[in-house]
């Protein structure tokens, strides 16, 4: 590509290097597996969650590829990806709420261990779940031993109300595999949405400062016309 083409058609693609894409792709893999295990395959929710996860990945990809000729279209598709992942986040929260399963706070030890694990594949998430189940098994044994040593004097089961949907869950509370995976997926979605928000802000600023393909095309044509006029 010569200098003139470089100015007219900006660099594009490279979506595989984007953090937003990498995490969204992992969310997609986790969601497909999650839905096959815990959501009725005949239900509309199953298809909606899988499609929302896929839409997040596909629109990041298409937006990156379209960036060479339309920054406006790239921005639009990236926003669609962000909206799809937000829809998926609500589906995971609904799954937990409707089954009375806990939505863990970001600082919960389980999620802290998940973030430390830095899983980047579905297999990595599965290994993390297996490790958490082992930790829970050890905690259960310790709790049963401690229970025999003390009497239960506090029967207050009230839970403080907070604006946050996250629940205050003791670190020793046993969590099902479905609960672990749903909360892990939500943690990944939070991260992917964070990167997409930054990406959208950067794209908007770039479009405002430099315009899109139409502006570059007009500028290139004017430069060529001026050059030809000067050399007549």
C-alpha atoms as a PDB file:
ATOM      1  CA  UNK A   1       0.000   0.000   0.000  1.00  0.00           C
ATOM      2  CA  UNK A   2       1.515   3.341  -1.065  1.00  0.00           C
ATOM      3  CA  UNK A   3       1.558   6.555   0.997  1.00  0.00           C
ATOM      4  CA  UNK A   4      -1.605   7.869  -0.647  1.00  0.00           C
ATOM      5  CA  UNK A   5      -3.510   4.681   0.149  1.00  0.00           C
ATOM      6  CA  UNK A   6      -2.157   4.708   3.710  1.00  0.00           C
ATOM      7  CA  UNK A   7      -3.616   8.173   4.207  1.00  0.00           C
ATOM      8  CA  UNK A   8      -6.945   7.226   2.630  1.00  0.00           C
ATOM      9  CA  UNK A   9      -7.466   3.745   4.074  1.00  0.00           C
ATOM     10  CA  UNK A  10      -6.438   3.635   7.711  1.00  0.00           C
ATOM     11  CA  UNK A  11      -5.075   0.561   9.439  1.00  0.00           C
ATOM     12  CA  UNK A  12      -7.824  -1.878  10.350  1.00  0.00           C
ATOM     13  CA  UNK A  13      -8.369  -5.366  11.683  1.00  0.00           C
ATOM     14  CA  UNK A  14      -6.122  -6.574  14.472  1.00  0.00           C
ATOM     15  CA  UNK A  15      -9.192  -7.295  16.595  1.00  0.00           C
ATOM     16  CA  UNK A  16      -7.625 -10.457  18.002  1.00  0.00           C
ATOM     17  CA  UNK A  17      -5.189  -8.278  19.935  1.00  0.00           C
ATOM     18  CA  UNK A  18      -7.979  -6.271  21.581  1.00  0.00           C
ATOM     19  CA  UNK A  19      -8.564  -7.106  25.245  1.00  0.00           C
ATOM     20  CA  UNK A  20     -12.280  -6.512  24.717  1.00  0.00           C
ATOM     21  CA  UNK A  21     -12.342  -9.183  21.983  1.00  0.00           C
ATOM     22  CA  UNK A  22     -10.249 -11.718  23.910  1.00  0.00           C
ATOM     23  CA  UNK A  23     -12.451 -11.521  27.000  1.00  0.00           C
ATOM     24  CA  UNK A  24     -15.692 -11.409  25.001  1.00  0.00           C
ATOM     25  CA  UNK A  25     -14.621 -14.561  23.165  1.00  0.00           C
ATOM     26  CA  UNK A  26     -13.968 -16.305  26.486  1.00  0.00           C
ATOM     27  CA  UNK A  27     -17.385 -15.149  27.717  1.00  0.00           C
ATOM     28  CA  UNK A  28     -18.916 -16.679  24.580  1.00  0.00           C
ATOM     29  CA  UNK A  29     -17.206 -20.038  25.183  1.00  0.00           C
ATOM     30  CA  UNK A  30     -18.227 -20.030  28.860  1.00  0.00           C
ATOM     31  CA  UNK A  31     -21.806 -19.041  28.006  1.00  0.00           C
ATOM     32  CA  UNK A  32     -22.270 -21.819  25.434  1.00  0.00           C
ATOM     33  CA  UNK A  33     -21.088 -24.385  27.990  1.00  0.00           C
ATOM     34  CA  UNK A  34     -23.089 -22.776  30.809  1.00  0.00           C
ATOM     35  CA  UNK A  35     -26.325 -22.768  28.819  1.00  0.00           C
ATOM     36  CA  UNK A  36     -25.871 -26.386  27.714  1.00  0.00           C
ATOM     37  CA  UNK A  37     -25.456 -27.430  31.350  1.00  0.00           C
ATOM     38  CA  UNK A  38     -27.867 -25.208  33.265  1.00  0.00           C
ATOM     39  CA  UNK A  39     -30.439 -23.744  30.836  1.00  0.00           C
ATOM     40  CA  UNK A  40     -33.156 -25.770  29.118  1.00  0.00           C
ATOM     41  CA  UNK A  41     -32.069 -26.070  25.473  1.00  0.00           C
ATOM     42  CA  UNK A  42     -35.687 -25.664  24.382  1.00  0.00           C
ATOM     43  CA  UNK A  43     -36.081 -22.378  26.219  1.00  0.00           C
ATOM     44  CA  UNK A  44     -35.842 -18.960  24.631  1.00  0.00           C
ATOM     45  CA  UNK A  45     -33.377 -17.894  27.313  1.00  0.00           C
ATOM     46  CA  UNK A  46     -30.868 -20.491  26.108  1.00  0.00           C
ATOM     47  CA  UNK A  47     -30.825 -19.071  22.586  1.00  0.00           C
ATOM     48  CA  UNK A  48     -30.892 -15.463  23.751  1.00  0.00           C
ATOM     49  CA  UNK A  49     -27.862 -15.849  26.019  1.00  0.00           C
ATOM     50  CA  UNK A  50     -25.814 -17.672  23.388  1.00  0.00           C
ATOM     51  CA  UNK A  51     -26.764 -15.148  20.702  1.00  0.00           C
ATOM     52  CA  UNK A  52     -25.989 -12.170  22.961  1.00  0.00           C
ATOM     53  CA  UNK A  53     -22.557 -13.624  23.734  1.00  0.00           C
ATOM     54  CA  UNK A  54     -21.929 -14.312  20.046  1.00  0.00           C
ATOM     55  CA  UNK A  55     -23.117 -10.819  19.084  1.00  0.00           C
ATOM     56  CA  UNK A  56     -20.552  -9.296  21.430  1.00  0.00           C
ATOM     57  CA  UNK A  57     -17.710 -11.148  19.699  1.00  0.00           C
ATOM     58  CA  UNK A  58     -18.970 -10.739  16.129  1.00  0.00           C
ATOM     59  CA  UNK A  59     -19.647  -7.009  16.348  1.00  0.00           C
ATOM     60  CA  UNK A  60     -16.219  -6.273  17.787  1.00  0.00           C
ATOM     61  CA  UNK A  61     -14.767  -8.234  14.865  1.00  0.00           C
ATOM     62  CA  UNK A  62     -16.915  -6.592  12.183  1.00  0.00           C
ATOM     63  CA  UNK A  63     -16.349  -3.146  13.633  1.00  0.00           C
ATOM     64  CA  UNK A  64     -12.588  -3.620  13.551  1.00  0.00           C
ATOM     65  CA  UNK A  65     -12.692  -4.824   9.951  1.00  0.00           C
ATOM     66  CA  UNK A  66     -14.986  -1.975   8.878  1.00  0.00           C
ATOM     67  CA  UNK A  67     -12.763   0.682  10.418  1.00  0.00           C
ATOM     68  CA  UNK A  68     -10.735   1.123   7.209  1.00  0.00           C
ATOM     69  CA  UNK A  69     -13.615   2.782   5.362  1.00  0.00           C
ATOM     70  CA  UNK A  70     -16.066   3.811   8.066  1.00  0.00           C
ATOM     71  CA  UNK A  71     -15.083   4.928  11.547  1.00  0.00           C
ATOM     72  CA  UNK A  72     -18.725   5.763  12.114  1.00  0.00           C
ATOM     73  CA  UNK A  73     -19.736   2.164  11.350  1.00  0.00           C
ATOM     74  CA  UNK A  74     -16.957   0.853  13.591  1.00  0.00           C
ATOM     75  CA  UNK A  75     -18.242   2.999  16.432  1.00  0.00           C
ATOM     76  CA  UNK A  76     -21.811   1.816  15.814  1.00  0.00           C
ATOM     77  CA  UNK A  77     -20.861  -1.882  15.799  1.00  0.00           C
ATOM     78  CA  UNK A  78     -18.714  -1.517  18.914  1.00  0.00           C
ATOM     79  CA  UNK A  79     -21.708   0.043  20.664  1.00  0.00           C
ATOM     80  CA  UNK A  80     -23.841  -2.915  19.525  1.00  0.00           C
ATOM     81  CA  UNK A  81     -21.254  -5.288  21.016  1.00  0.00           C
ATOM     82  CA  UNK A  82     -21.355  -3.360  24.292  1.00  0.00           C
ATOM     83  CA  UNK A  83     -25.180  -3.491  24.377  1.00  0.00           C
ATOM     84  CA  UNK A  84     -25.173  -7.238  23.676  1.00  0.00           C
ATOM     85  CA  UNK A  85     -22.810  -7.938  26.556  1.00  0.00           C
ATOM     86  CA  UNK A  86     -24.904  -5.741  28.851  1.00  0.00           C
ATOM     87  CA  UNK A  87     -27.966  -7.810  27.905  1.00  0.00           C
ATOM     88  CA  UNK A  88     -26.015 -10.980  28.679  1.00  0.00           C
ATOM     89  CA  UNK A  89     -24.956  -9.569  32.045  1.00  0.00           C
ATOM     90  CA  UNK A  90     -28.612  -9.083  32.982  1.00  0.00           C
ATOM     91  CA  UNK A  91     -29.389 -12.661  31.921  1.00  0.00           C
ATOM     92  CA  UNK A  92     -26.724 -14.024  34.274  1.00  0.00           C
ATOM     93  CA  UNK A  93     -27.994 -11.814  37.106  1.00  0.00           C
ATOM     94  CA  UNK A  94     -31.558 -13.010  36.433  1.00  0.00           C
ATOM     95  CA  UNK A  95     -30.384 -16.624  36.518  1.00  0.00           C
ATOM     96  CA  UNK A  96     -28.944 -16.130  39.993  1.00  0.00           C
ATOM     97  CA  UNK A  97     -31.822 -14.055  41.353  1.00  0.00           C
ATOM     98  CA  UNK A  98     -34.608 -16.324  40.122  1.00  0.00           C
ATOM     99  CA  UNK A  99     -32.958 -19.357  41.716  1.00  0.00           C
ATOM    100  CA  UNK A 100     -32.065 -17.594  44.967  1.00  0.00           C
ATOM    101  CA  UNK A 101     -28.382 -18.030  44.249  1.00  0.00           C
ATOM    102  CA  UNK A 102     -25.882 -15.433  45.473  1.00  0.00           C
ATOM    103  CA  UNK A 103     -24.471 -12.656  43.313  1.00  0.00           C
ATOM    104  CA  UNK A 104     -21.014 -12.197  44.788  1.00  0.00           C
ATOM    105  CA  UNK A 105     -19.422  -8.852  45.492  1.00  0.00           C
ATOM    106  CA  UNK A 106     -16.198  -8.138  43.536  1.00  0.00           C
ATOM    107  CA  UNK A 107     -14.128  -8.379  46.718  1.00  0.00           C
ATOM    108  CA  UNK A 108     -15.505 -11.808  47.687  1.00  0.00           C
ATOM    109  CA  UNK A 109     -12.615 -14.290  48.192  1.00  0.00           C
ATOM    110  CA  UNK A 110     -14.003 -16.585  45.489  1.00  0.00           C
ATOM    111  CA  UNK A 111     -13.910 -13.839  42.860  1.00  0.00           C
ATOM    112  CA  UNK A 112     -10.565 -12.586  44.103  1.00  0.00           C
ATOM    113  CA  UNK A 113      -9.151 -16.068  43.466  1.00  0.00           C
ATOM    114  CA  UNK A 114     -10.820 -16.116  40.048  1.00  0.00           C
ATOM    115  CA  UNK A 115      -9.207 -12.819  39.060  1.00  0.00           C
ATOM    116  CA  UNK A 116      -5.846 -14.045  40.331  1.00  0.00           C
ATOM    117  CA  UNK A 117      -6.177 -17.204  38.215  1.00  0.00           C
ATOM    118  CA  UNK A 118      -6.394 -15.018  35.059  1.00  0.00           C
ATOM    119  CA  UNK A 119      -8.253 -17.674  33.091  1.00  0.00           C
ATOM    120  CA  UNK A 120      -8.074 -17.125  29.336  1.00  0.00           C
ATOM    121  CA  UNK A 121      -9.682 -20.352  28.130  1.00  0.00           C
ATOM    122  CA  UNK A 122     -12.808 -22.359  28.919  1.00  0.00           C
ATOM    123  CA  UNK A 123     -10.598 -25.116  30.255  1.00  0.00           C
ATOM    124  CA  UNK A 124      -8.966 -22.628  32.602  1.00  0.00           C
ATOM    125  CA  UNK A 125     -12.364 -21.643  34.010  1.00  0.00           C
ATOM    126  CA  UNK A 126     -13.267 -25.315  34.472  1.00  0.00           C
ATOM    127  CA  UNK A 127     -10.020 -25.934  36.364  1.00  0.00           C
ATOM    128  CA  UNK A 128     -10.764 -22.924  38.590  1.00  0.00           C
ATOM    129  CA  UNK A 129     -14.247 -24.293  39.387  1.00  0.00           C
ATOM    130  CA  UNK A 130     -12.736 -27.662  40.321  1.00  0.00           C
ATOM    131  CA  UNK A 131     -10.232 -25.945  42.622  1.00  0.00           C
ATOM    132  CA  UNK A 132     -13.002 -23.934  44.278  1.00  0.00           C
ATOM    133  CA  UNK A 133     -14.976 -27.106  44.947  1.00  0.00           C
ATOM    134  CA  UNK A 134     -11.900 -28.562  46.657  1.00  0.00           C
ATOM    135  CA  UNK A 135     -11.538 -25.446  48.805  1.00  0.00           C
ATOM    136  CA  UNK A 136     -15.219 -25.656  49.764  1.00  0.00           C
ATOM    137  CA  UNK A 137     -14.830 -29.294  50.724  1.00  0.00           C
ATOM    138  CA  UNK A 138     -11.957 -28.424  53.062  1.00  0.00           C
ATOM    139  CA  UNK A 139     -13.910 -25.468  54.521  1.00  0.00           C
ATOM    140  CA  UNK A 140     -16.935 -27.693  55.154  1.00  0.00           C
ATOM    141  CA  UNK A 141     -14.845 -30.185  57.088  1.00  0.00           C
ATOM    142  CA  UNK A 142     -13.331 -27.399  59.187  1.00  0.00           C
ATOM    143  CA  UNK A 143     -16.744 -25.808  59.830  1.00  0.00           C
ATOM    144  CA  UNK A 144     -18.266 -29.115  60.975  1.00  0.00           C
ATOM    145  CA  UNK A 145     -15.381 -29.577  63.405  1.00  0.00           C
ATOM    146  CA  UNK A 146     -15.713 -26.052  64.816  1.00  0.00           C
ATOM    147  CA  UNK A 147     -19.490 -26.434  65.215  1.00  0.00           C
ATOM    148  CA  UNK A 148     -19.013 -29.201  67.757  1.00  0.00           C
ATOM    149  CA  UNK A 149     -16.860 -26.893  69.855  1.00  0.00           C
ATOM    150  CA  UNK A 150     -19.305 -24.052  70.271  1.00  0.00           C
ATOM    151  CA  UNK A 151     -23.008 -23.536  70.869  1.00  0.00           C
ATOM    152  CA  UNK A 152     -25.160 -21.588  68.474  1.00  0.00           C
ATOM    153  CA  UNK A 153     -26.121 -18.413  70.302  1.00  0.00           C
ATOM    154  CA  UNK A 154     -26.981 -16.110  67.417  1.00  0.00           C
ATOM    155  CA  UNK A 155     -30.069 -16.960  65.348  1.00  0.00           C
ATOM    156  CA  UNK A 156     -30.423 -13.602  63.590  1.00  0.00           C
ATOM    157  CA  UNK A 157     -30.780 -14.372  59.876  1.00  0.00           C
ATOM    158  CA  UNK A 158     -31.462 -10.821  58.690  1.00  0.00           C
ATOM    159  CA  UNK A 159     -29.479  -9.431  55.775  1.00  0.00           C
ATOM    160  CA  UNK A 160     -28.684  -5.754  55.430  1.00  0.00           C
ATOM    161  CA  UNK A 161     -30.263  -4.027  52.460  1.00  0.00           C
ATOM    162  CA  UNK A 162     -27.917  -2.400  49.950  1.00  0.00           C
ATOM    163  CA  UNK A 163     -28.347  -0.552  46.685  1.00  0.00           C
ATOM    164  CA  UNK A 164     -25.898  -2.990  45.146  1.00  0.00           C
ATOM    165  CA  UNK A 165     -27.422  -6.231  43.782  1.00  0.00           C
ATOM    166  CA  UNK A 166     -24.433  -8.108  45.205  1.00  0.00           C
ATOM    167  CA  UNK A 167     -25.124 -10.112  48.329  1.00  0.00           C
ATOM    168  CA  UNK A 168     -23.053 -10.349  51.460  1.00  0.00           C
ATOM    169  CA  UNK A 169     -22.070 -14.010  51.385  1.00  0.00           C
ATOM    170  CA  UNK A 170     -19.676 -15.507  53.958  1.00  0.00           C
ATOM    171  CA  UNK A 171     -16.572 -16.930  52.318  1.00  0.00           C
ATOM    172  CA  UNK A 172     -17.330 -20.326  53.881  1.00  0.00           C
ATOM    173  CA  UNK A 173     -20.785 -20.609  52.261  1.00  0.00           C
ATOM    174  CA  UNK A 174     -20.883 -23.584  49.845  1.00  0.00           C
ATOM    175  CA  UNK A 175     -21.486 -22.501  46.254  1.00  0.00           C
ATOM    176  CA  UNK A 176     -22.779 -24.705  43.450  1.00  0.00           C
ATOM    177  CA  UNK A 177     -20.897 -25.051  40.190  1.00  0.00           C
ATOM    178  CA  UNK A 178     -23.622 -23.056  38.430  1.00  0.00           C
ATOM    179  CA  UNK A 179     -23.205 -20.229  40.957  1.00  0.00           C
ATOM    180  CA  UNK A 180     -19.449 -20.226  40.530  1.00  0.00           C
ATOM    181  CA  UNK A 181     -19.585 -20.136  36.728  1.00  0.00           C
ATOM    182  CA  UNK A 182     -22.321 -17.477  36.605  1.00  0.00           C
ATOM    183  CA  UNK A 183     -20.350 -15.202  38.922  1.00  0.00           C
ATOM    184  CA  UNK A 184     -17.155 -15.850  36.979  1.00  0.00           C
ATOM    185  CA  UNK A 185     -18.950 -14.953  33.740  1.00  0.00           C
ATOM    186  CA  UNK A 186     -20.226 -11.746  35.333  1.00  0.00           C
ATOM    187  CA  UNK A 187     -16.712 -10.854  36.421  1.00  0.00           C
ATOM    188  CA  UNK A 188     -15.477 -11.376  32.859  1.00  0.00           C
ATOM    189  CA  UNK A 189     -18.385  -9.350  31.480  1.00  0.00           C
ATOM    190  CA  UNK A 190     -17.591  -6.464  33.805  1.00  0.00           C
ATOM    191  CA  UNK A 191     -14.020  -6.464  32.518  1.00  0.00           C
ATOM    192  CA  UNK A 192     -14.985  -6.763  28.864  1.00  0.00           C
ATOM    193  CA  UNK A 193     -17.530  -3.940  29.185  1.00  0.00           C
ATOM    194  CA  UNK A 194     -14.893  -1.789  30.868  1.00  0.00           C
ATOM    195  CA  UNK A 195     -12.534  -2.247  27.931  1.00  0.00           C
ATOM    196  CA  UNK A 196     -15.349  -1.629  25.449  1.00  0.00           C
ATOM    197  CA  UNK A 197     -16.300   1.609  27.203  1.00  0.00           C
ATOM    198  CA  UNK A 198     -12.708   2.803  26.847  1.00  0.00           C
ATOM    199  CA  UNK A 199     -12.631   1.638  23.235  1.00  0.00           C
ATOM    200  CA  UNK A 200     -15.857   3.491  22.406  1.00  0.00           C
ATOM    201  CA  UNK A 201     -14.555   6.663  24.039  1.00  0.00           C
ATOM    202  CA  UNK A 202     -11.329   6.451  22.035  1.00  0.00           C
ATOM    203  CA  UNK A 203     -13.221   5.823  18.784  1.00  0.00           C
ATOM    204  CA  UNK A 204     -15.554   8.749  19.432  1.00  0.00           C
ATOM    205  CA  UNK A 205     -12.640  11.098  20.127  1.00  0.00           C
ATOM    206  CA  UNK A 206     -10.779   9.884  17.060  1.00  0.00           C
ATOM    207  CA  UNK A 207     -13.842  10.353  14.858  1.00  0.00           C
ATOM    208  CA  UNK A 208     -14.371  13.850  16.248  1.00  0.00           C
ATOM    209  CA  UNK A 209     -10.762  14.833  15.654  1.00  0.00           C
ATOM    210  CA  UNK A 210     -10.037  13.147  12.323  1.00  0.00           C
ATOM    211  CA  UNK A 211     -13.409  12.358  10.770  1.00  0.00           C
ATOM    212  CA  UNK A 212     -14.099   9.234   8.761  1.00  0.00           C
ATOM    213  CA  UNK A 213     -13.433   7.813   5.322  1.00  0.00           C
ATOM    214  CA  UNK A 214     -15.587  10.433   3.541  1.00  0.00           C
ATOM    215  CA  UNK A 215     -13.585  13.274   5.061  1.00  0.00           C
ATOM    216  CA  UNK A 216     -10.276  11.591   4.209  1.00  0.00           C
ATOM    217  CA  UNK A 217     -11.474  10.920   0.656  1.00  0.00           C
ATOM    218  CA  UNK A 218     -12.486  14.567   0.203  1.00  0.00           C
ATOM    219  CA  UNK A 219      -9.166  15.795   1.595  1.00  0.00           C
ATOM    220  CA  UNK A 220      -7.207  13.427  -0.650  1.00  0.00           C
ATOM    221  CA  UNK A 221      -9.132  14.517  -3.756  1.00  0.00           C
ATOM    222  CA  UNK A 222      -8.643  18.197  -2.931  1.00  0.00           C
ATOM    223  CA  UNK A 223      -4.913  17.682  -2.417  1.00  0.00           C
ATOM    224  CA  UNK A 224      -4.640  15.907  -5.761  1.00  0.00           C
ATOM    225  CA  UNK A 225      -6.655  18.628  -7.518  1.00  0.00           C
ATOM    226  CA  UNK A 226      -4.494  21.367  -6.019  1.00  0.00           C
ATOM    227  CA  UNK A 227      -1.359  19.480  -7.025  1.00  0.00           C
ATOM    228  CA  UNK A 228      -2.593  19.096 -10.609  1.00  0.00           C
ATOM    229  CA  UNK A 229      -3.544  22.811 -10.810  1.00  0.00           C
ATOM    230  CA  UNK A 230      -0.134  23.879  -9.575  1.00  0.00           C
ATOM    231  CA  UNK A 231       1.634  21.738 -12.170  1.00  0.00           C
ATOM    232  CA  UNK A 232      -0.338  22.769 -15.246  1.00  0.00           C
END
